[in-house]
Amino acid sequence: MANPQKQQINIELGEKEAEGIYANMALLMHSPTEIILDFARVMPRTPKARVLARIIMTPMHAKLLQKTLEDNLNKFEKQFGPITVHGEPHQAANPIGFEGSPNSPGEQK
């Protein structure tokens, strides 16, 4: 069986997207066919956070993202030292930070 050639993809990054969005909170939800990641920013003394970006992907792509993120975090820690996560395990009463949500896509916390 012949090896398929890898296709090169040119990726364009627009000026607005290149600025990026700072998020310090992520909400994750899933259905049988999709993984939904909502990214938000929580500010001190502000009782409300607004979702700034929503990414919807297949479970397979989410798994590939997980592996790539793990690989990059390992490389980061080898170069800069361990990343300390304060306050583990994360408590729902203190919603600042990244957290997972068992809710279905239409439910709110």
N, C-alpha and C. Protein backbone atom coordinates (compact mmCIF):
# COMPACT_ATOMS: atom_id res chain seq x y z
N MET A 1 0.85 -1.19 0.00
CA MET A 1 0.00 0.00 0.00
C MET A 1 0.89 1.24 0.00
N ALA A 2 0.64 2.15 -0.89
CA ALA A 2 1.46 3.36 -1.02
C ALA A 2 1.16 4.33 0.12
N ASN A 3 2.19 5.05 0.55
CA ASN A 3 2.00 6.08 1.59
C ASN A 3 1.35 7.30 0.97
N PRO A 4 0.23 7.75 1.55
CA PRO A 4 -0.38 8.97 1.00
C PRO A 4 0.51 10.18 1.29
N GLN A 5 0.57 11.09 0.33
CA GLN A 5 1.37 12.30 0.53
C GLN A 5 0.65 13.23 1.48
N LYS A 6 1.43 13.88 2.35
CA LYS A 6 0.84 14.87 3.25
C LYS A 6 0.56 16.13 2.45
N GLN A 7 -0.63 16.66 2.66
CA GLN A 7 -1.03 17.88 1.97
C GLN A 7 -0.64 19.08 2.81
N GLN A 8 -0.01 20.06 2.20
CA GLN A 8 0.35 21.28 2.90
C GLN A 8 -0.84 22.24 2.84
N ILE A 9 -1.17 22.80 3.99
CA ILE A 9 -2.29 23.74 4.07
C ILE A 9 -1.73 25.10 4.44
N ASN A 10 -2.04 26.10 3.66
CA ASN A 10 -1.67 27.47 4.00
C ASN A 10 -2.74 28.04 4.90
N ILE A 11 -2.32 28.51 6.06
CA ILE A 11 -3.26 29.05 7.04
C ILE A 11 -3.11 30.56 7.08
N GLU A 12 -4.23 31.26 6.90
CA GLU A 12 -4.23 32.71 6.97
C GLU A 12 -4.68 33.16 8.35
N LEU A 13 -4.01 34.15 8.88
CA LEU A 13 -4.35 34.71 10.19
C LEU A 13 -4.66 36.18 9.99
N GLY A 14 -5.93 36.53 10.16
CA GLY A 14 -6.35 37.92 9.99
C GLY A 14 -5.81 38.80 11.10
N GLU A 15 -5.80 40.09 10.85
CA GLU A 15 -5.25 41.05 11.81
C GLU A 15 -5.99 41.00 13.14
N LYS A 16 -7.31 40.95 13.10
CA LYS A 16 -8.11 40.91 14.33
C LYS A 16 -7.84 39.61 15.10
N GLU A 17 -7.82 38.49 14.39
CA GLU A 17 -7.57 37.20 15.04
C GLU A 17 -6.15 37.12 15.61
N ALA A 18 -5.21 37.78 14.97
CA ALA A 18 -3.82 37.75 15.43
C ALA A 18 -3.66 38.45 16.78
N GLU A 19 -4.57 39.37 17.11
CA GLU A 19 -4.53 40.04 18.41
C GLU A 19 -4.84 39.07 19.53
N GLY A 20 -5.65 38.06 19.25
CA GLY A 20 -6.01 37.06 20.24
C GLY A 20 -7.05 37.57 21.21
N ILE A 21 -7.56 36.64 22.01
CA ILE A 21 -8.54 36.95 23.05
C ILE A 21 -8.02 36.34 24.33
N TYR A 22 -7.92 37.12 25.39
CA TYR A 22 -7.49 36.59 26.68
C TYR A 22 -8.68 35.97 27.38
N ALA A 23 -8.54 34.72 27.81
CA ALA A 23 -9.59 34.03 28.55
C ALA A 23 -8.97 33.39 29.78
N ASN A 24 -9.64 33.51 30.92
CA ASN A 24 -9.17 32.86 32.14
C ASN A 24 -10.22 31.89 32.68
N MET A 25 -11.18 31.57 31.82
CA MET A 25 -12.21 30.62 32.20
C MET A 25 -12.67 29.89 30.94
N ALA A 26 -12.82 28.57 31.05
CA ALA A 26 -13.34 27.78 29.94
C ALA A 26 -14.44 26.88 30.46
N LEU A 27 -15.52 26.82 29.73
CA LEU A 27 -16.63 25.93 30.06
C LEU A 27 -16.70 24.89 28.95
N LEU A 28 -16.75 23.62 29.34
CA LEU A 28 -16.78 22.54 28.36
C LEU A 28 -18.08 21.77 28.48
N MET A 29 -18.68 21.49 27.33
CA MET A 29 -19.92 20.72 27.28
C MET A 29 -19.78 19.73 26.14
N HIS A 30 -20.63 18.72 26.13
CA HIS A 30 -20.57 17.78 25.02
C HIS A 30 -21.93 17.15 24.75
N SER A 31 -22.07 16.72 23.52
CA SER A 31 -23.19 15.91 23.09
C SER A 31 -22.55 14.63 22.52
N PRO A 32 -23.32 13.69 22.06
CA PRO A 32 -22.70 12.49 21.49
C PRO A 32 -21.81 12.76 20.28
N THR A 33 -22.02 13.87 19.60
CA THR A 33 -21.27 14.13 18.36
C THR A 33 -20.40 15.38 18.38
N GLU A 34 -20.47 16.19 19.44
CA GLU A 34 -19.73 17.45 19.47
C GLU A 34 -19.15 17.73 20.84
N ILE A 35 -18.03 18.42 20.85
CA ILE A 35 -17.44 18.98 22.05
C ILE A 35 -17.52 20.49 21.89
N ILE A 36 -18.05 21.18 22.89
CA ILE A 36 -18.21 22.63 22.83
C ILE A 36 -17.35 23.26 23.90
N LEU A 37 -16.48 24.19 23.51
CA LEU A 37 -15.62 24.90 24.44
C LEU A 37 -15.99 26.38 24.38
N ASP A 38 -16.43 26.92 25.50
CA ASP A 38 -16.72 28.35 25.62
C ASP A 38 -15.59 28.98 26.41
N PHE A 39 -15.02 30.05 25.88
CA PHE A 39 -13.94 30.77 26.56
C PHE A 39 -14.47 32.12 27.02
N ALA A 40 -14.20 32.44 28.30
CA ALA A 40 -14.69 33.68 28.89
C ALA A 40 -13.58 34.33 29.71
N ARG A 41 -13.82 35.57 30.09
CA ARG A 41 -12.87 36.30 30.94
C ARG A 41 -13.63 36.77 32.17
N VAL A 42 -13.13 36.39 33.34
CA VAL A 42 -13.70 36.80 34.62
C VAL A 42 -12.77 37.84 35.22
N MET A 43 -13.35 38.95 35.64
CA MET A 43 -12.55 40.01 36.25
C MET A 43 -12.90 40.12 37.73
N PRO A 44 -11.92 40.47 38.55
CA PRO A 44 -12.19 40.62 39.99
C PRO A 44 -13.32 41.62 40.24
N ARG A 45 -14.11 41.34 41.26
CA ARG A 45 -15.23 42.19 41.69
C ARG A 45 -16.28 42.41 40.60
N THR A 46 -16.32 41.51 39.63
CA THR A 46 -17.35 41.56 38.60
C THR A 46 -18.13 40.25 38.68
N PRO A 47 -19.43 40.31 38.97
CA PRO A 47 -20.19 39.09 39.19
C PRO A 47 -20.61 38.36 37.91
N LYS A 48 -20.18 38.86 36.75
CA LYS A 48 -20.66 38.33 35.49
C LYS A 48 -19.49 38.12 34.53
N ALA A 49 -19.56 37.08 33.74
CA ALA A 49 -18.58 36.85 32.69
C ALA A 49 -19.32 36.59 31.39
N ARG A 50 -18.78 37.09 30.29
CA ARG A 50 -19.40 36.91 28.98
C ARG A 50 -18.53 35.97 28.15
N VAL A 51 -19.16 35.05 27.44
CA VAL A 51 -18.41 34.17 26.56
C VAL A 51 -17.86 35.01 25.41
N LEU A 52 -16.55 34.91 25.20
CA LEU A 52 -15.88 35.69 24.15
C LEU A 52 -15.67 34.88 22.88
N ALA A 53 -15.60 33.57 23.01
CA ALA A 53 -15.42 32.70 21.85
C ALA A 53 -16.00 31.33 22.16
N ARG A 54 -16.60 30.72 21.16
CA ARG A 54 -17.12 29.35 21.28
C ARG A 54 -16.50 28.53 20.15
N ILE A 55 -15.92 27.41 20.53
CA ILE A 55 -15.32 26.49 19.57
C ILE A 55 -16.10 25.18 19.64
N ILE A 56 -16.58 24.72 18.50
CA ILE A 56 -17.32 23.46 18.42
C ILE A 56 -16.52 22.52 17.54
N MET A 57 -16.25 21.32 18.05
CA MET A 57 -15.48 20.36 17.28
C MET A 57 -15.97 18.95 17.52
N THR A 58 -15.51 18.03 16.68
CA THR A 58 -15.86 16.63 16.85
C THR A 58 -15.05 16.07 18.03
N PRO A 59 -15.53 14.99 18.64
CA PRO A 59 -14.75 14.35 19.71
C PRO A 59 -13.36 13.94 19.24
N MET A 60 -13.23 13.47 18.00
CA MET A 60 -11.92 13.08 17.48
C MET A 60 -10.97 14.28 17.44
N HIS A 61 -11.45 15.42 16.96
CA HIS A 61 -10.60 16.60 16.90
C HIS A 61 -10.28 17.11 18.31
N ALA A 62 -11.22 16.97 19.24
CA ALA A 62 -10.95 17.36 20.63
C ALA A 62 -9.85 16.48 21.22
N LYS A 63 -9.86 15.19 20.91
CA LYS A 63 -8.83 14.27 21.39
C LYS A 63 -7.47 14.65 20.80
N LEU A 64 -7.43 15.00 19.53
CA LEU A 64 -6.18 15.45 18.91
C LEU A 64 -5.70 16.75 19.54
N LEU A 65 -6.63 17.66 19.85
CA LEU A 65 -6.27 18.90 20.53
C LEU A 65 -5.69 18.60 21.90
N GLN A 66 -6.30 17.66 22.64
CA GLN A 66 -5.81 17.29 23.96
C GLN A 66 -4.37 16.78 23.88
N LYS A 67 -4.10 15.89 22.93
CA LYS A 67 -2.75 15.33 22.79
C LYS A 67 -1.75 16.42 22.42
N THR A 68 -2.12 17.32 21.53
CA THR A 68 -1.24 18.41 21.12
C THR A 68 -0.99 19.37 22.28
N LEU A 69 -2.03 19.67 23.06
CA LEU A 69 -1.89 20.55 24.21
C LEU A 69 -0.98 19.92 25.26
N GLU A 70 -1.17 18.63 25.54
CA GLU A 70 -0.31 17.92 26.50
C GLU A 70 1.15 17.96 26.05
N ASP A 71 1.38 17.72 24.76
CA ASP A 71 2.74 17.73 24.22
C ASP A 71 3.37 19.12 24.39
N ASN A 72 2.62 20.15 24.07
CA ASN A 72 3.15 21.52 24.19
C ASN A 72 3.37 21.93 25.64
N LEU A 73 2.48 21.52 26.55
CA LEU A 73 2.68 21.83 27.97
C LEU A 73 3.92 21.11 28.51
N ASN A 74 4.14 19.87 28.08
CA ASN A 74 5.35 19.16 28.50
C ASN A 74 6.60 19.87 28.01
N LYS A 75 6.60 20.33 26.76
CA LYS A 75 7.74 21.08 26.21
C LYS A 75 7.94 22.38 26.98
N PHE A 76 6.84 23.07 27.29
CA PHE A 76 6.90 24.32 28.04
C PHE A 76 7.57 24.08 29.40
N GLU A 77 7.11 23.02 30.13
CA GLU A 77 7.64 22.75 31.46
C GLU A 77 9.11 22.33 31.41
N LYS A 78 9.51 21.64 30.38
CA LYS A 78 10.93 21.28 30.23
C LYS A 78 11.78 22.54 30.07
N GLN A 79 11.23 23.52 29.37
CA GLN A 79 11.98 24.76 29.11
C GLN A 79 11.91 25.74 30.28
N PHE A 80 10.74 25.88 30.91
CA PHE A 80 10.54 26.93 31.91
C PHE A 80 10.28 26.42 33.33
N GLY A 81 10.14 25.12 33.51
CA GLY A 81 9.86 24.57 34.83
C GLY A 81 8.39 24.25 35.00
N PRO A 82 8.06 23.57 36.11
CA PRO A 82 6.68 23.12 36.33
C PRO A 82 5.68 24.28 36.42
N ILE A 83 4.50 24.01 35.93
CA ILE A 83 3.39 24.95 36.03
C ILE A 83 2.65 24.62 37.32
N THR A 84 2.48 25.60 38.18
CA THR A 84 1.77 25.39 39.43
C THR A 84 0.31 25.78 39.26
N VAL A 85 -0.58 24.88 39.63
CA VAL A 85 -2.01 25.17 39.60
C VAL A 85 -2.44 25.39 41.04
N HIS A 86 -2.85 26.59 41.35
CA HIS A 86 -3.24 26.94 42.72
C HIS A 86 -4.67 26.54 43.00
N GLY A 87 -4.94 26.08 44.21
CA GLY A 87 -6.30 25.83 44.65
C GLY A 87 -6.93 24.57 44.11
N GLU A 88 -6.14 23.57 43.69
CA GLU A 88 -6.75 22.32 43.23
C GLU A 88 -7.31 21.56 44.41
N PRO A 89 -8.37 20.81 44.33
CA PRO A 89 -9.22 20.76 43.15
C PRO A 89 -10.06 22.02 43.03
N HIS A 90 -10.39 22.39 41.80
CA HIS A 90 -11.15 23.61 41.54
C HIS A 90 -12.55 23.50 42.14
N GLN A 91 -12.96 24.52 42.86
CA GLN A 91 -14.27 24.53 43.51
C GLN A 91 -15.25 25.37 42.69
N ALA A 92 -16.46 24.84 42.48
CA ALA A 92 -17.48 25.55 41.71
C ALA A 92 -17.90 26.85 42.39
N ALA A 93 -17.73 26.95 43.72
CA ALA A 93 -18.11 28.16 44.44
C ALA A 93 -17.19 29.33 44.08
N ASN A 94 -16.02 29.04 43.55
CA ASN A 94 -15.06 30.06 43.14
C ASN A 94 -14.79 29.87 41.66
N PRO A 95 -15.61 30.45 40.76
CA PRO A 95 -15.58 30.10 39.35
C PRO A 95 -14.46 30.70 38.51
N ILE A 96 -13.45 31.31 39.11
CA ILE A 96 -12.38 31.87 38.31
C ILE A 96 -11.41 30.75 37.95
N GLY A 97 -11.18 30.58 36.66
CA GLY A 97 -10.27 29.55 36.20
C GLY A 97 -10.95 28.65 35.20
N PHE A 98 -10.25 27.61 34.78
CA PHE A 98 -10.78 26.70 33.79
C PHE A 98 -11.52 25.57 34.48
N GLU A 99 -12.67 25.21 33.95
CA GLU A 99 -13.45 24.16 34.57
C GLU A 99 -14.21 23.39 33.50
N GLY A 100 -14.57 22.18 33.82
CA GLY A 100 -15.39 21.37 32.94
C GLY A 100 -16.82 21.41 33.39
N SER A 101 -17.75 21.22 32.48
CA SER A 101 -19.16 21.25 32.81
C SER A 101 -19.83 19.98 32.30
N PRO A 102 -20.54 19.26 33.18
CA PRO A 102 -21.24 18.06 32.73
C PRO A 102 -22.56 18.37 32.04
N ASN A 103 -22.91 19.65 31.92
CA ASN A 103 -24.20 20.04 31.35
C ASN A 103 -24.24 19.75 29.86
N SER A 104 -25.43 19.54 29.34
CA SER A 104 -25.60 19.39 27.90
C SER A 104 -25.50 20.77 27.27
N PRO A 105 -25.29 20.84 25.92
CA PRO A 105 -25.06 22.13 25.26
C PRO A 105 -26.11 23.20 25.52
N GLY A 106 -27.37 22.84 25.73
CA GLY A 106 -28.40 23.84 25.92
C GLY A 106 -28.58 24.29 27.35
N GLU A 107 -27.95 23.62 28.30
CA GLU A 107 -28.15 23.94 29.71
C GLU A 107 -27.18 25.01 30.16
N GLN A 108 -27.60 25.80 31.14
CA GLN A 108 -26.75 26.80 31.76
C GLN A 108 -26.42 26.34 33.16
N LYS A 109 -25.27 26.71 33.65
CA LYS A 109 -24.88 26.39 35.03
C LYS A 109 -25.60 27.24 36.01
